[in-house]
N, C-alpha and C. Protein backbone atom coordinates (compact mmCIF):
# COMPACT_ATOMS: atom_id res chain seq x y z
N UNK A 1 -66.29 -73.27 -0.39
CA UNK A 1 -66.62 -73.16 1.02
C UNK A 1 -67.86 -74.02 1.26
N UNK A 2 -67.79 -74.84 2.30
CA UNK A 2 -68.96 -75.68 2.57
C UNK A 2 -70.04 -74.85 3.26
N UNK A 3 -71.22 -75.41 3.36
CA UNK A 3 -72.40 -74.71 3.87
C UNK A 3 -72.22 -74.23 5.31
N UNK A 4 -71.57 -75.08 6.15
CA UNK A 4 -71.37 -74.71 7.56
C UNK A 4 -70.43 -73.51 7.69
N UNK A 5 -69.34 -73.50 6.93
CA UNK A 5 -68.41 -72.38 6.98
C UNK A 5 -69.07 -71.11 6.45
N UNK A 6 -69.89 -71.26 5.44
CA UNK A 6 -70.59 -70.11 4.86
C UNK A 6 -71.53 -69.49 5.88
N UNK A 7 -72.27 -70.33 6.63
CA UNK A 7 -73.18 -69.81 7.66
C UNK A 7 -72.40 -69.14 8.78
N UNK A 8 -71.29 -69.74 9.19
CA UNK A 8 -70.45 -69.16 10.25
C UNK A 8 -69.92 -67.79 9.81
N UNK A 9 -69.45 -67.72 8.58
CA UNK A 9 -68.91 -66.47 8.05
C UNK A 9 -70.02 -65.41 7.99
N UNK A 10 -71.21 -65.78 7.61
CA UNK A 10 -72.35 -64.86 7.56
C UNK A 10 -72.69 -64.33 8.95
N UNK A 11 -72.65 -65.20 9.94
CA UNK A 11 -72.94 -64.79 11.32
C UNK A 11 -71.88 -63.80 11.80
N UNK A 12 -70.61 -64.10 11.52
CA UNK A 12 -69.52 -63.22 11.93
C UNK A 12 -69.67 -61.85 11.28
N UNK A 13 -69.96 -61.81 9.99
CA UNK A 13 -70.14 -60.54 9.30
C UNK A 13 -71.33 -59.76 9.84
N UNK A 14 -72.43 -60.45 10.08
CA UNK A 14 -73.64 -59.81 10.63
C UNK A 14 -73.36 -59.23 12.01
N UNK A 15 -72.67 -60.00 12.85
CA UNK A 15 -72.35 -59.51 14.20
C UNK A 15 -71.41 -58.30 14.12
N UNK A 16 -70.42 -58.38 13.25
CA UNK A 16 -69.49 -57.25 13.10
C UNK A 16 -70.20 -56.00 12.62
N UNK A 17 -71.09 -56.16 11.65
CA UNK A 17 -71.85 -55.03 11.14
C UNK A 17 -72.75 -54.45 12.23
N UNK A 18 -73.42 -55.31 12.97
CA UNK A 18 -74.31 -54.88 14.05
C UNK A 18 -73.54 -54.14 15.14
N UNK A 19 -72.39 -54.67 15.54
CA UNK A 19 -71.57 -54.01 16.55
C UNK A 19 -71.08 -52.66 16.05
N UNK A 20 -70.74 -52.61 14.77
CA UNK A 20 -70.32 -51.34 14.18
C UNK A 20 -71.43 -50.30 14.23
N UNK A 21 -72.66 -50.72 13.90
CA UNK A 21 -73.78 -49.79 13.97
C UNK A 21 -74.05 -49.32 15.39
N UNK A 22 -73.94 -50.23 16.35
CA UNK A 22 -74.13 -49.88 17.75
C UNK A 22 -73.07 -48.86 18.17
N UNK A 23 -71.85 -49.09 17.74
CA UNK A 23 -70.77 -48.16 18.08
C UNK A 23 -71.00 -46.79 17.49
N UNK A 24 -71.44 -46.75 16.23
CA UNK A 24 -71.71 -45.46 15.59
C UNK A 24 -72.87 -44.76 16.26
N UNK A 25 -73.94 -45.50 16.53
CA UNK A 25 -75.10 -44.86 17.16
C UNK A 25 -74.77 -44.38 18.56
N UNK A 26 -73.82 -45.00 19.22
CA UNK A 26 -73.40 -44.55 20.55
C UNK A 26 -72.67 -43.23 20.50
N UNK A 27 -72.16 -42.87 19.31
CA UNK A 27 -71.46 -41.60 19.17
C UNK A 27 -72.41 -40.44 18.98
N UNK A 28 -73.65 -40.71 18.58
CA UNK A 28 -74.61 -39.65 18.32
C UNK A 28 -74.96 -38.97 19.64
N UNK A 29 -74.86 -37.67 19.64
CA UNK A 29 -75.12 -36.90 20.85
C UNK A 29 -76.48 -36.25 20.76
N UNK A 30 -77.19 -36.25 21.85
CA UNK A 30 -78.47 -35.55 21.88
C UNK A 30 -78.20 -34.07 22.14
N UNK A 31 -79.23 -33.26 22.00
CA UNK A 31 -79.09 -31.82 22.25
C UNK A 31 -78.65 -31.54 23.68
N UNK A 32 -78.92 -32.47 24.59
CA UNK A 32 -78.60 -32.25 25.99
C UNK A 32 -77.18 -32.69 26.35
N UNK A 33 -76.50 -33.40 25.44
CA UNK A 33 -75.15 -33.87 25.75
C UNK A 33 -74.18 -32.70 25.80
N UNK A 34 -73.13 -32.86 26.54
CA UNK A 34 -72.14 -31.82 26.70
C UNK A 34 -71.13 -31.91 25.56
N UNK A 35 -71.27 -31.05 24.57
CA UNK A 35 -70.38 -31.08 23.41
C UNK A 35 -68.95 -30.70 23.78
N UNK A 36 -68.79 -29.86 24.75
CA UNK A 36 -67.45 -29.42 25.14
C UNK A 36 -66.60 -30.58 25.64
N UNK A 37 -67.22 -31.57 26.27
CA UNK A 37 -66.46 -32.70 26.81
C UNK A 37 -66.15 -33.76 25.77
N UNK A 38 -66.63 -33.59 24.56
CA UNK A 38 -66.40 -34.59 23.55
C UNK A 38 -65.76 -33.94 22.33
N UNK A 39 -64.52 -33.45 22.50
CA UNK A 39 -63.85 -32.70 21.45
C UNK A 39 -63.69 -33.47 20.15
N UNK A 40 -63.41 -34.78 20.22
CA UNK A 40 -63.23 -35.55 19.00
C UNK A 40 -64.51 -35.56 18.18
N UNK A 41 -65.64 -35.82 18.82
CA UNK A 41 -66.92 -35.82 18.10
C UNK A 41 -67.21 -34.41 17.60
N UNK A 42 -67.03 -33.44 18.45
CA UNK A 42 -67.32 -32.06 18.09
C UNK A 42 -66.50 -31.64 16.89
N UNK A 43 -65.21 -31.92 16.89
CA UNK A 43 -64.34 -31.53 15.78
C UNK A 43 -64.76 -32.20 14.48
N UNK A 44 -65.20 -33.45 14.55
CA UNK A 44 -65.58 -34.16 13.33
C UNK A 44 -66.87 -33.63 12.75
N UNK A 45 -67.62 -32.85 13.49
CA UNK A 45 -68.91 -32.34 13.04
C UNK A 45 -68.86 -30.85 12.67
N UNK A 46 -67.70 -30.27 12.64
CA UNK A 46 -67.61 -28.85 12.32
C UNK A 46 -67.92 -28.62 10.85
N UNK A 47 -68.59 -27.51 10.57
CA UNK A 47 -68.97 -27.16 9.21
C UNK A 47 -67.96 -26.22 8.57
N UNK A 48 -67.33 -25.39 9.37
CA UNK A 48 -66.27 -24.49 8.91
C UNK A 48 -65.17 -24.50 9.97
N UNK A 49 -63.98 -24.17 9.54
CA UNK A 49 -62.87 -24.12 10.50
C UNK A 49 -63.13 -23.00 11.50
N UNK A 50 -62.99 -23.29 12.79
CA UNK A 50 -63.19 -22.24 13.79
C UNK A 50 -62.11 -21.17 13.68
N UNK A 51 -62.42 -19.99 14.16
CA UNK A 51 -61.44 -18.90 14.16
C UNK A 51 -60.34 -19.26 15.15
N UNK A 52 -59.10 -19.27 14.67
CA UNK A 52 -57.98 -19.62 15.52
C UNK A 52 -56.91 -18.52 15.56
N UNK A 53 -57.33 -17.31 15.25
CA UNK A 53 -56.42 -16.18 15.22
C UNK A 53 -56.86 -15.18 16.28
N UNK A 54 -56.07 -15.06 17.33
CA UNK A 54 -56.44 -14.20 18.46
C UNK A 54 -56.58 -12.74 18.05
N UNK A 55 -55.70 -12.27 17.17
CA UNK A 55 -55.77 -10.87 16.73
C UNK A 55 -57.09 -10.61 16.00
N UNK A 56 -57.47 -11.51 15.12
CA UNK A 56 -58.74 -11.37 14.40
C UNK A 56 -59.91 -11.39 15.38
N UNK A 57 -59.90 -12.34 16.31
CA UNK A 57 -60.97 -12.41 17.31
C UNK A 57 -61.08 -11.11 18.09
N UNK A 58 -59.95 -10.58 18.51
CA UNK A 58 -59.96 -9.34 19.30
C UNK A 58 -60.37 -8.13 18.47
N UNK A 59 -59.75 -8.00 17.30
CA UNK A 59 -59.97 -6.80 16.49
C UNK A 59 -61.38 -6.75 15.90
N UNK A 60 -61.79 -7.82 15.24
CA UNK A 60 -63.10 -7.83 14.57
C UNK A 60 -64.21 -8.27 15.53
N UNK A 61 -63.88 -9.18 16.42
CA UNK A 61 -64.85 -9.69 17.38
C UNK A 61 -65.24 -8.69 18.46
N UNK A 62 -64.51 -7.59 18.56
CA UNK A 62 -64.88 -6.58 19.55
C UNK A 62 -66.12 -5.80 19.12
N UNK A 63 -66.45 -5.84 17.83
CA UNK A 63 -67.62 -5.12 17.31
C UNK A 63 -68.76 -6.05 16.88
N UNK A 64 -68.41 -7.24 16.43
CA UNK A 64 -69.43 -8.17 15.94
C UNK A 64 -68.91 -9.60 16.03
N UNK A 65 -69.77 -10.53 15.76
CA UNK A 65 -69.37 -11.94 15.73
C UNK A 65 -68.18 -12.10 14.78
N UNK A 66 -67.11 -12.74 15.22
CA UNK A 66 -65.95 -12.93 14.33
C UNK A 66 -66.23 -14.07 13.34
N UNK A 67 -66.79 -13.70 12.20
CA UNK A 67 -67.17 -14.69 11.20
C UNK A 67 -65.96 -15.50 10.75
N UNK A 68 -66.16 -16.79 10.63
CA UNK A 68 -65.07 -17.66 10.19
C UNK A 68 -64.70 -17.31 8.75
N UNK A 69 -63.40 -17.28 8.44
CA UNK A 69 -62.96 -17.00 7.07
C UNK A 69 -63.58 -17.95 6.05
N UNK A 70 -63.90 -19.17 6.46
CA UNK A 70 -64.46 -20.16 5.55
C UNK A 70 -65.89 -19.89 5.14
N UNK A 71 -66.46 -18.77 5.56
CA UNK A 71 -67.82 -18.42 5.17
C UNK A 71 -67.89 -17.55 3.92
N UNK A 72 -66.75 -17.08 3.45
CA UNK A 72 -66.68 -16.29 2.21
C UNK A 72 -65.40 -16.66 1.46
N UNK A 73 -65.39 -16.46 0.13
CA UNK A 73 -64.17 -16.74 -0.63
C UNK A 73 -63.12 -15.64 -0.41
N UNK A 74 -61.90 -15.94 -0.76
CA UNK A 74 -60.79 -14.99 -0.56
C UNK A 74 -61.07 -13.65 -1.23
N UNK A 75 -61.65 -13.66 -2.43
CA UNK A 75 -61.92 -12.40 -3.14
C UNK A 75 -62.89 -11.51 -2.37
N UNK A 76 -63.81 -12.13 -1.62
CA UNK A 76 -64.74 -11.35 -0.79
C UNK A 76 -64.01 -10.72 0.39
N UNK A 77 -63.16 -11.52 1.04
CA UNK A 77 -62.41 -10.98 2.18
C UNK A 77 -61.48 -9.86 1.72
N UNK A 78 -60.87 -10.01 0.56
CA UNK A 78 -59.99 -8.96 0.03
C UNK A 78 -60.81 -7.69 -0.21
N UNK A 79 -61.95 -7.83 -0.83
CA UNK A 79 -62.84 -6.70 -1.10
C UNK A 79 -63.28 -6.03 0.20
N UNK A 80 -63.64 -6.83 1.18
CA UNK A 80 -64.07 -6.30 2.47
C UNK A 80 -62.94 -5.52 3.15
N UNK A 81 -61.76 -6.11 3.15
CA UNK A 81 -60.62 -5.45 3.80
C UNK A 81 -60.18 -4.20 3.05
N UNK A 82 -60.39 -4.16 1.74
CA UNK A 82 -60.05 -2.97 0.95
C UNK A 82 -61.04 -1.83 1.17
N UNK A 83 -62.18 -2.10 1.81
CA UNK A 83 -63.20 -1.07 2.00
C UNK A 83 -63.53 -0.79 3.45
N UNK A 84 -62.57 -0.90 4.33
CA UNK A 84 -62.83 -0.72 5.76
C UNK A 84 -63.26 0.70 6.14
N UNK A 85 -62.98 1.68 5.27
CA UNK A 85 -63.40 3.04 5.58
C UNK A 85 -64.93 3.17 5.54
N UNK A 86 -65.60 2.24 4.85
CA UNK A 86 -67.06 2.20 4.83
C UNK A 86 -67.49 0.74 5.03
N UNK A 87 -67.26 0.26 6.24
CA UNK A 87 -67.54 -1.13 6.61
C UNK A 87 -68.96 -1.22 7.14
N UNK A 88 -69.91 -1.44 6.21
CA UNK A 88 -71.33 -1.50 6.55
C UNK A 88 -71.75 -0.25 7.33
N UNK A 89 -71.43 0.89 6.74
CA UNK A 89 -71.78 2.23 7.25
C UNK A 89 -70.97 2.64 8.48
N UNK A 90 -69.90 1.93 8.77
CA UNK A 90 -69.01 2.29 9.89
C UNK A 90 -67.59 2.44 9.35
N UNK A 91 -66.81 3.30 9.97
CA UNK A 91 -65.40 3.41 9.62
C UNK A 91 -64.62 2.42 10.49
N UNK A 92 -64.08 1.40 9.86
CA UNK A 92 -63.34 0.36 10.59
C UNK A 92 -61.88 0.32 10.13
N UNK A 93 -61.38 1.45 9.64
CA UNK A 93 -60.00 1.49 9.13
C UNK A 93 -59.01 1.07 10.21
N UNK A 94 -57.94 0.43 9.75
CA UNK A 94 -56.89 -0.08 10.63
C UNK A 94 -55.54 0.43 10.16
N UNK A 95 -54.56 0.32 11.03
CA UNK A 95 -53.19 0.58 10.61
C UNK A 95 -52.87 -0.39 9.47
N UNK A 96 -52.05 0.03 8.53
CA UNK A 96 -51.75 -0.78 7.34
C UNK A 96 -51.23 -2.17 7.70
N UNK A 97 -50.34 -2.25 8.66
CA UNK A 97 -49.77 -3.55 9.05
C UNK A 97 -50.83 -4.47 9.65
N UNK A 98 -51.73 -3.91 10.44
CA UNK A 98 -52.80 -4.70 11.03
C UNK A 98 -53.77 -5.20 9.97
N UNK A 99 -54.12 -4.30 9.04
CA UNK A 99 -55.02 -4.68 7.95
C UNK A 99 -54.40 -5.79 7.10
N UNK A 100 -53.12 -5.67 6.85
CA UNK A 100 -52.43 -6.70 6.05
C UNK A 100 -52.42 -8.05 6.77
N UNK A 101 -52.15 -8.02 8.06
CA UNK A 101 -52.14 -9.25 8.86
C UNK A 101 -53.51 -9.93 8.83
N UNK A 102 -54.57 -9.17 8.98
CA UNK A 102 -55.92 -9.72 8.96
C UNK A 102 -56.29 -10.22 7.57
N UNK A 103 -55.91 -9.47 6.55
CA UNK A 103 -56.20 -9.87 5.17
C UNK A 103 -55.54 -11.21 4.85
N UNK A 104 -54.32 -11.38 5.26
CA UNK A 104 -53.61 -12.65 5.03
C UNK A 104 -54.34 -13.79 5.72
N UNK A 105 -54.71 -13.60 6.98
CA UNK A 105 -55.41 -14.65 7.71
C UNK A 105 -56.74 -15.00 7.01
N UNK A 106 -57.50 -13.99 6.68
CA UNK A 106 -58.82 -14.23 6.07
C UNK A 106 -58.72 -14.90 4.71
N UNK A 107 -57.83 -14.43 3.86
CA UNK A 107 -57.74 -14.99 2.51
C UNK A 107 -57.12 -16.38 2.49
N UNK A 108 -56.18 -16.64 3.40
CA UNK A 108 -55.56 -17.96 3.44
C UNK A 108 -56.49 -19.03 4.02
N UNK A 109 -57.52 -18.62 4.71
CA UNK A 109 -58.46 -19.55 5.35
C UNK A 109 -59.87 -19.42 4.79
N UNK A 110 -60.00 -18.83 3.63
CA UNK A 110 -61.30 -18.55 3.01
C UNK A 110 -62.00 -19.81 2.51
N UNK A 111 -63.26 -19.66 2.15
CA UNK A 111 -64.09 -20.78 1.70
C UNK A 111 -63.48 -21.50 0.51
N UNK A 112 -62.89 -20.76 -0.41
CA UNK A 112 -62.35 -21.38 -1.62
C UNK A 112 -61.00 -22.07 -1.41
N UNK A 113 -60.49 -22.04 -0.18
CA UNK A 113 -59.25 -22.76 0.13
C UNK A 113 -59.47 -23.82 1.21
N UNK A 114 -60.71 -23.97 1.65
CA UNK A 114 -61.03 -24.83 2.78
C UNK A 114 -61.49 -26.23 2.36
N UNK A 115 -61.28 -27.19 3.25
CA UNK A 115 -61.77 -28.54 3.04
C UNK A 115 -63.05 -28.81 3.84
N UNK A 116 -63.54 -27.83 4.57
CA UNK A 116 -64.74 -28.02 5.39
C UNK A 116 -66.00 -28.00 4.53
N UNK A 117 -66.97 -28.81 4.91
CA UNK A 117 -68.20 -29.05 4.14
C UNK A 117 -68.92 -27.76 3.74
N UNK A 118 -69.27 -26.93 4.69
CA UNK A 118 -70.04 -25.73 4.36
C UNK A 118 -69.20 -24.73 3.58
N UNK A 119 -67.94 -24.65 3.89
CA UNK A 119 -67.06 -23.75 3.14
C UNK A 119 -67.04 -24.14 1.66
N UNK A 120 -66.90 -25.42 1.40
CA UNK A 120 -66.91 -25.90 0.00
C UNK A 120 -68.26 -25.60 -0.65
N UNK A 121 -69.35 -25.81 0.09
CA UNK A 121 -70.68 -25.54 -0.45
C UNK A 121 -70.86 -24.07 -0.79
N UNK A 122 -70.40 -23.20 0.08
CA UNK A 122 -70.50 -21.75 -0.16
C UNK A 122 -69.69 -21.39 -1.40
N UNK A 123 -68.48 -21.88 -1.47
CA UNK A 123 -67.61 -21.58 -2.60
C UNK A 123 -68.22 -22.05 -3.92
N UNK A 124 -68.76 -23.26 -3.93
CA UNK A 124 -69.37 -23.81 -5.15
C UNK A 124 -70.64 -23.06 -5.55
N UNK A 125 -71.30 -22.42 -4.60
CA UNK A 125 -72.56 -21.72 -4.90
C UNK A 125 -72.34 -20.37 -5.58
N UNK A 126 -71.11 -19.91 -5.62
CA UNK A 126 -70.83 -18.59 -6.16
C UNK A 126 -70.33 -18.65 -7.60
N UNK A 127 -70.69 -17.64 -8.37
CA UNK A 127 -70.14 -17.50 -9.71
C UNK A 127 -68.65 -17.20 -9.58
N UNK A 128 -67.90 -17.49 -10.61
CA UNK A 128 -66.44 -17.40 -10.58
C UNK A 128 -65.91 -16.06 -10.06
N UNK A 129 -66.51 -14.97 -10.46
CA UNK A 129 -66.02 -13.65 -10.05
C UNK A 129 -66.88 -12.98 -8.98
N UNK A 130 -67.87 -13.70 -8.47
CA UNK A 130 -68.75 -13.15 -7.45
C UNK A 130 -67.96 -12.96 -6.15
N UNK A 131 -68.07 -11.78 -5.56
CA UNK A 131 -67.36 -11.46 -4.32
C UNK A 131 -68.31 -10.79 -3.33
N UNK A 132 -69.27 -11.54 -2.81
CA UNK A 132 -70.24 -10.93 -1.89
C UNK A 132 -69.57 -10.46 -0.60
N UNK A 133 -70.09 -9.41 -0.04
CA UNK A 133 -69.58 -8.91 1.24
C UNK A 133 -70.36 -9.48 2.42
N UNK A 134 -71.53 -9.99 2.15
CA UNK A 134 -72.38 -10.55 3.20
C UNK A 134 -72.59 -12.04 2.94
N UNK A 135 -72.37 -12.82 3.94
CA UNK A 135 -72.60 -14.26 3.85
C UNK A 135 -74.06 -14.51 3.50
N UNK A 136 -74.94 -13.71 4.06
CA UNK A 136 -76.38 -13.90 3.89
C UNK A 136 -76.86 -13.65 2.46
N UNK A 137 -76.01 -13.12 1.59
CA UNK A 137 -76.41 -12.90 0.20
C UNK A 137 -75.97 -14.04 -0.73
N UNK A 138 -75.26 -15.00 -0.21
CA UNK A 138 -74.83 -16.11 -1.06
C UNK A 138 -76.00 -17.06 -1.33
N UNK A 139 -75.97 -17.69 -2.50
CA UNK A 139 -77.02 -18.66 -2.84
C UNK A 139 -77.06 -19.78 -1.81
N UNK A 140 -75.89 -20.20 -1.34
CA UNK A 140 -75.83 -21.28 -0.36
C UNK A 140 -76.60 -20.90 0.91
N UNK A 141 -76.32 -19.72 1.43
CA UNK A 141 -76.99 -19.26 2.64
C UNK A 141 -78.50 -19.16 2.43
N UNK A 142 -78.90 -18.57 1.31
CA UNK A 142 -80.33 -18.41 1.03
C UNK A 142 -81.03 -19.76 0.95
N UNK A 143 -80.38 -20.74 0.33
CA UNK A 143 -80.98 -22.07 0.23
C UNK A 143 -81.13 -22.71 1.61
N UNK A 144 -80.16 -22.51 2.49
CA UNK A 144 -80.21 -23.10 3.83
C UNK A 144 -81.20 -22.40 4.75
N UNK A 145 -81.54 -21.15 4.46
CA UNK A 145 -82.40 -20.38 5.35
C UNK A 145 -83.73 -19.99 4.71
N UNK A 146 -84.06 -20.54 3.57
CA UNK A 146 -85.26 -20.13 2.83
C UNK A 146 -86.56 -20.37 3.60
N UNK A 147 -86.57 -21.34 4.50
CA UNK A 147 -87.81 -21.68 5.20
C UNK A 147 -88.09 -20.77 6.40
N UNK A 148 -87.18 -19.88 6.71
CA UNK A 148 -87.36 -19.02 7.88
C UNK A 148 -88.16 -17.77 7.52
N UNK A 149 -89.34 -17.62 8.08
CA UNK A 149 -90.12 -16.41 7.82
C UNK A 149 -89.50 -15.21 8.55
N UNK A 150 -89.77 -14.02 8.04
CA UNK A 150 -89.24 -12.79 8.63
C UNK A 150 -89.55 -12.69 10.12
N UNK A 151 -90.69 -13.19 10.56
CA UNK A 151 -91.10 -13.05 11.96
C UNK A 151 -90.11 -13.69 12.93
N UNK A 152 -89.37 -14.71 12.50
CA UNK A 152 -88.44 -15.36 13.43
C UNK A 152 -87.03 -14.78 13.38
N UNK A 153 -86.75 -13.97 12.36
CA UNK A 153 -85.41 -13.36 12.26
C UNK A 153 -85.53 -11.84 12.22
N UNK A 154 -85.88 -11.28 11.10
CA UNK A 154 -85.90 -9.83 10.92
C UNK A 154 -86.88 -9.11 11.85
N UNK A 155 -88.04 -9.70 12.07
CA UNK A 155 -89.05 -9.08 12.93
C UNK A 155 -88.92 -9.52 14.39
N UNK A 156 -87.96 -10.34 14.67
CA UNK A 156 -87.72 -10.86 16.02
C UNK A 156 -86.80 -9.87 16.75
N UNK A 157 -87.25 -9.18 17.78
CA UNK A 157 -86.41 -8.18 18.46
C UNK A 157 -85.17 -8.79 19.12
N UNK A 158 -85.17 -10.10 19.33
CA UNK A 158 -83.99 -10.75 19.92
C UNK A 158 -82.97 -11.19 18.88
N UNK A 159 -83.31 -11.08 17.60
CA UNK A 159 -82.38 -11.49 16.53
C UNK A 159 -82.13 -10.32 15.57
N UNK A 160 -83.17 -9.83 14.90
CA UNK A 160 -83.18 -8.66 14.01
C UNK A 160 -82.47 -8.82 12.67
N UNK A 161 -81.52 -9.74 12.56
CA UNK A 161 -80.77 -9.84 11.31
C UNK A 161 -80.14 -11.22 11.16
N UNK A 162 -80.01 -11.65 9.93
CA UNK A 162 -79.33 -12.92 9.66
C UNK A 162 -77.83 -12.82 9.97
N UNK A 163 -77.33 -11.62 10.15
CA UNK A 163 -75.91 -11.45 10.46
C UNK A 163 -75.56 -11.85 11.90
N UNK A 164 -76.58 -12.07 12.71
CA UNK A 164 -76.35 -12.47 14.11
C UNK A 164 -76.35 -13.99 14.23
N UNK A 165 -75.47 -14.64 13.52
CA UNK A 165 -75.41 -16.11 13.45
C UNK A 165 -75.44 -16.77 14.83
N UNK A 166 -74.63 -16.23 15.72
CA UNK A 166 -74.44 -16.86 17.03
C UNK A 166 -75.67 -16.84 17.91
N UNK A 167 -76.67 -16.02 17.58
CA UNK A 167 -77.88 -15.97 18.39
C UNK A 167 -78.76 -17.20 18.19
N UNK A 168 -78.72 -17.79 17.02
CA UNK A 168 -79.54 -18.98 16.74
C UNK A 168 -78.69 -20.24 16.63
N UNK A 169 -77.52 -20.11 16.04
CA UNK A 169 -76.61 -21.26 15.92
C UNK A 169 -75.76 -21.31 17.19
N UNK A 170 -76.16 -22.17 18.10
CA UNK A 170 -75.58 -22.21 19.44
C UNK A 170 -74.11 -22.59 19.45
N UNK A 171 -73.61 -23.21 18.38
CA UNK A 171 -72.20 -23.62 18.31
C UNK A 171 -71.47 -22.91 17.17
N UNK A 172 -71.99 -21.77 16.75
CA UNK A 172 -71.39 -21.03 15.64
C UNK A 172 -69.93 -20.66 15.92
N UNK A 173 -69.63 -20.23 17.12
CA UNK A 173 -68.26 -19.82 17.45
C UNK A 173 -67.27 -20.98 17.29
N UNK A 174 -67.75 -22.19 17.46
CA UNK A 174 -66.88 -23.37 17.32
C UNK A 174 -66.82 -23.85 15.87
N UNK A 175 -67.61 -23.26 14.98
CA UNK A 175 -67.60 -23.66 13.57
C UNK A 175 -68.70 -24.64 13.21
N UNK A 176 -69.67 -24.84 14.08
CA UNK A 176 -70.76 -25.76 13.81
C UNK A 176 -72.05 -24.98 13.54
N UNK A 177 -72.61 -25.23 12.36
CA UNK A 177 -73.87 -24.59 11.98
C UNK A 177 -74.95 -25.64 11.75
N UNK A 178 -74.87 -26.72 12.48
CA UNK A 178 -75.80 -27.83 12.38
C UNK A 178 -77.21 -27.37 12.72
N UNK A 179 -78.15 -27.68 11.84
CA UNK A 179 -79.53 -27.22 12.06
C UNK A 179 -80.16 -27.82 13.31
N UNK A 180 -79.63 -28.93 13.82
CA UNK A 180 -80.17 -29.54 15.02
C UNK A 180 -79.68 -28.84 16.30
N UNK A 181 -78.79 -27.89 16.15
CA UNK A 181 -78.29 -27.12 17.28
C UNK A 181 -78.85 -25.70 17.27
N UNK A 182 -79.82 -25.44 16.41
CA UNK A 182 -80.42 -24.11 16.30
C UNK A 182 -81.46 -23.90 17.39
N UNK A 183 -81.36 -22.78 18.05
CA UNK A 183 -82.32 -22.35 19.06
C UNK A 183 -82.64 -20.88 18.76
N UNK A 184 -83.76 -20.64 18.14
CA UNK A 184 -84.13 -19.27 17.78
C UNK A 184 -84.73 -18.58 19.01
N UNK A 185 -84.12 -17.47 19.44
CA UNK A 185 -84.65 -16.75 20.60
C UNK A 185 -86.13 -16.40 20.40
N UNK A 186 -86.92 -16.72 21.41
CA UNK A 186 -88.35 -16.46 21.34
C UNK A 186 -89.15 -17.56 20.65
N UNK A 187 -88.47 -18.56 20.13
CA UNK A 187 -89.13 -19.67 19.43
C UNK A 187 -88.51 -20.98 19.90
N UNK A 188 -88.71 -21.28 21.14
CA UNK A 188 -88.08 -22.48 21.75
C UNK A 188 -88.42 -23.77 21.03
N UNK A 189 -89.61 -23.83 20.44
CA UNK A 189 -90.01 -25.07 19.78
C UNK A 189 -89.86 -25.01 18.28
N UNK A 190 -89.02 -24.11 17.76
CA UNK A 190 -88.88 -23.98 16.30
C UNK A 190 -88.33 -25.26 15.69
N UNK A 191 -88.95 -25.71 14.62
CA UNK A 191 -88.49 -26.86 13.85
C UNK A 191 -88.90 -26.63 12.42
N UNK A 192 -87.94 -26.73 11.52
CA UNK A 192 -88.27 -26.51 10.11
C UNK A 192 -88.87 -27.74 9.57
């Protein structure tokens, strides 16, 4: 290749690379952008698969945030569903058919069967036979939340517990746990 063609080719590659970067940076949304109107971007940024089972949303979501199945491994969901008579100090027993339907949904969509980033991270953080009942007890969760002092969660009357994911993670229901979307009640300027 002669020198002139080489320079032309370099310019073309540089321009293509620059345009590509401009295009990618144009996709970045600020906290003020409307995520609902940009489903393609929103979907590509999900950390866990959103809950897509209406029965699960209605049955479990009527008492608490309907945690995505991808936040625990199948063995944890099985253990949880096998102990509904003492579900965190509450009796949450269901008809056998309903319990079976929910168990199937939860175990088939669990962290250890998911391709989503955080689900894989949670699954990898657990010992082979570990079956935690609380997401907040996993090594993955603890590593992601270690910088939060008790005053902003446990001692915060607007939050009170790490189990209230949706209070700080503004897009938790959609499956996004991005730290840049966190708004801790009572701590508008919180930044780790």
